[in-house]
Amino acid sequence: MSDPATALPTDAVAPARTGAGGPRVRPPAPVVREVEVDGCLSLYRRDVDQVVVLNETASDVWRLADGTLDDDEIVALLAAAYGVAPEIIGDEVRATLARLVQEGFLTLDLR
């Protein structure tokens, strides 16, 4: 799936933010570049000369991690797009976000 937004039903929206979700994540724009090939993204951190290639699902997670959603909202949107319960994909989505933060491709937005 190359764009989770296009797979969402027209009435699907992120749940209202209740403050229960984790911090939002935001790509560190000045140092990360992305290139899409066949629906998958390759990310490049030029400050440390590091590349990570994301599969389609991780690419969808990356696209939604723009600072406007927290992890619970990202899980809910992807679950709706994939037609599965949030409990089924939640751990994997959060692990993807955590790995991208740990490796410096995403930063936490603690606002």
Foldseek 3Di string as FASTA:
>chain_A
DQELVVLADPPDDFDDDPVPFDFAKAFPVVFWDWDDDPSWIWIAGNVVGDIDTGDNVLNNLVVPRHRPDGLSRSLRSNCRSVVHDSVVCSVVSVVSVVVCCVVRRMDTDPD
